[in-house]
Structures are given as structure tokens and as C-alpha cells.
Amino acid sequence: MLNLSRTRTQPRSTRSSMALGGMDYVDPKKRSNYVGKILLAATLTALCILILKKSSGFSSPSPFSYRDSGVTHVLVTGGAGFIGSHATLRLLKDSCRVTIVDNLSRGNLGAVKVLQELFPEPGRLQFIYADLGDAKAVNKIFSENVFDAVMHFAAVAYVGESTLDPLKYYHNITSNTLVVLEAMTAHGVKTLIYSSTCATYGEPEKMPITEVTPQLPINPYGKAKKMAEDIILDFHKNSDMAVMILRYFNVIGSDPDGRLGEAPRPELREHGRISGACFDAARGIIPGLKVRGTDYKTSDGTCIRDYIDVTDLVDAHVKALQKAKPGKVGIYNVGTGRGRSVKEFVEACKKATGVNIKVDFLPRRPGDYAEVFSDPTKIRLELNWTAQYTDLQESLQIAWRWQKAHRNGYGSPLAIAS
């Protein structure tokens, strides 16, 4: 009887456990350990996913890394500089996507910040700090971004400085242009707008200068630019790249709305543009204006130049970009077609600033030429471009307003004085 009773209680125990949802009994301590392991595994998995997402391989693609239909992505070299920043502003206003590459040796980060504040939308503007002399860095930029065109402004650009340090000019202008061209070729970028200069002509026998005037530069700046042009033209003979070379004259002015201006490095003032020197004299930064050369064969003995407003110059670049055609080269002078003497310029500057600037007349500067002004017929006929800001005093007044509002360049904007 006892043996029989025991054999019946075992099945009852089995039936009782099966009645609990068909599951075996689990020890509470073991169950807690199991749940902890699951939570730990889940936590580690989530942490791994977060780390991977933050890595470059899992990050969202940059809008600059792919082609957006209907949007032109322009690489602007030297876009933190005087002309380059103004060109960037115009391109952004025209709904382009812009990447600025600049080593800030001559440019201003403040100009980039102004542009970023004006166009804060994602995918509109990016700034990359890099030196075009670093081929590896340049190649990386091209591999990580998809460009439709390059506007190549980046260059040292002072005639006087080029005579003192010619190797800097050949390296910075000629060699760096070669690096850009090689990167464009390697990554299939088919449009180049090249910033050149009337200095490639030297001192022609006949005025005005046309695009077929012989190029006989007389200073390292002009020679370096001509060498870069020659490299581009030789390469183009076996290429379907669209190339526009703009040779411009003496640039003045600034953004009419006062957002951008010219702020050269203090140590470069003596090599800079005459407009900058005039403004420095008007502000008392320097005691007076130094005019170098009064014995040239001109009407008043001073040099004659063709002064082109930066707004007009930028417009020429935009029209060149619009008209660029695969396999074709366009070469254009960008000027007003009218020469003004240095003395005329100084008088206009006095009126624009309202300051009777003191002028010191000194011997000629090495590498200068007597008379240079353009014949803009070709660019008018082929690109439908004509200079609009041709009132010298008005252009200087616009630039002067920015100078007064930014006495420390882009470092400390001040209220614009009346």
C-alpha cells in the first residue's frame, strides 16, 4: 500500500507542474541572473551602435559630397580673401552651393563668418582650412566633395612683394595651380574659372590692351601668372575641360551693402592696393600716402591704371561660369576700358573720404609699368558683360564706408559713421 501510494504521488506532481502553462519551475535567483544578462547585452549593443554611428563610415552623407540636381557646387579657392569672398557672396545669392578652401595666409576668417551668418542653411556653404601646396590635402578635399566647377582665386598678389620674394610667387601661384589642375583631372571636375591678371602683359607698346596683346610680363607676379596660364592651356589641348581665364586690372570698391570689404594684413600694407593706402592715410594709420613714380611718360607723370570695381569683377566671373563650354577656352580682359592716373585716383579718394590726404612723391617702385588699361570689347560681345560701377569716387565712397565701420578689419565691427 505504501509503495503504491508513492508511485501515485509522483505523477500528480508532474501534472501539477504542467498545469502552469506547460513550463517547468524556474528558480527566482536563476531567473534574475538571466534577465540581467539580457539587459547587459542590450546595453552593450546600443553602445556599439552609438559608437558606430558617430564614426565616419556610419555618419549621414554630407550634402557637399553628392550632386544635387539643379544646384551648382563651386569650389572657391582663396574664398576668404578680398575678391574671393565677394565672389562667394554672389554665388550664394545666385543659389549655388559653395566650398571655400583657404589657408588664411592672406584671407580673413571674419569674412567667412559673415558669409556663414548670411547663409546658415545646411548644404549652402562650407569652409575648409587647407593649403593648396599640400597635394595630399587637396586630393582628399576633391575625393570627399563633388564639385561642378572651380573658381581659382587663391594667390599672393602684390607686384612689389613679388620682386622681393619671387620664389614665394612661383610656388604659390604656378605650382599650386598645377596641384589644383591635377586634382580636377583626377576627380572629373570639368569647369575652371581662372583668376589671372593684366600683369601678364607687362608694358605693352600700344594701348588699350586686347586679349591678343603679347604677354611679356616684367615682374615675378605677372610671370608666375603667365606660367600658370601656359600650364592650363597646354593641358587643355588634350582635354574636354571648360576653361575661362580672366585677366583683370586694378580692383577697387567693396560690397555695396556693406557686408564685406578689404582688410589686408598690416605687415603687407606697403605692398597693397593704392585704395588701401589712401584709406589708411585718411584714417591716420599712416602719416600720408606714398606715390611712387612721377616721371613716367604720362599726362601728369604718374602711372595710369584701369580701376575695376569688385562687384563688376565678380559679375564677370559669374557670366564666365554661365558661358563656359566643354572643350573650349575663353580668355578675357576685365576692365572699364578707361585709364586713370594715380594723381586722379588720389583726388577722388580725398573727395570720397573728405580728408585732405598728405601725399609724398617718391622714386619709382621696381617692377611697375607706366600705363595699363583694357579694351573690354571681347568680353562685352561674348559674355554680355560691361562694367557698371565706373564712377571712381562712388566706388571709393562705398569702400570707405566699410573701412570706417571696420577700423580693425573683420576683428571689431563698429557702427557706420555718417
Foldseek 3Di string as FASTA:
>chain_A
DVVVVVVVVVVVVVVVQCVPVHDHDDDPVVVVVVVVVVVVVVVVVVVVVVVVCPDPVNDDAALQQDDDPPAAEEEEEVCQAALNVLLLLVSVVVVHAYEYEYQPPWGDVLSVVLVCVVPVDGRRYYYDNDALLPLVVLLVVLNRGPHQEYEYDFADAFQLVCQVPVVRRLCRQQVSLVSNVVSCVVNVHAEYEYEAAPLQLDAFPDDADFPPRDGDHDTSNNVSRVNNVVVVVVVLVPFQGFYEYEHEWAEFFHDLVLSAAHDGDPVCQVRDGQLSQLLCQLVVVDVFAEFAFQCDPDPRGAAKTFYAYSNLVSVLSVLSVVQTGTSDYHYFYDGQRDIDGPVRLSVLLCVLSVHPGDYDYHHHRPRDYRYYDHDRVVCCVRSVGHGDPRPSSVRSNSNSQSCQQCVPHSPDGHDGDD
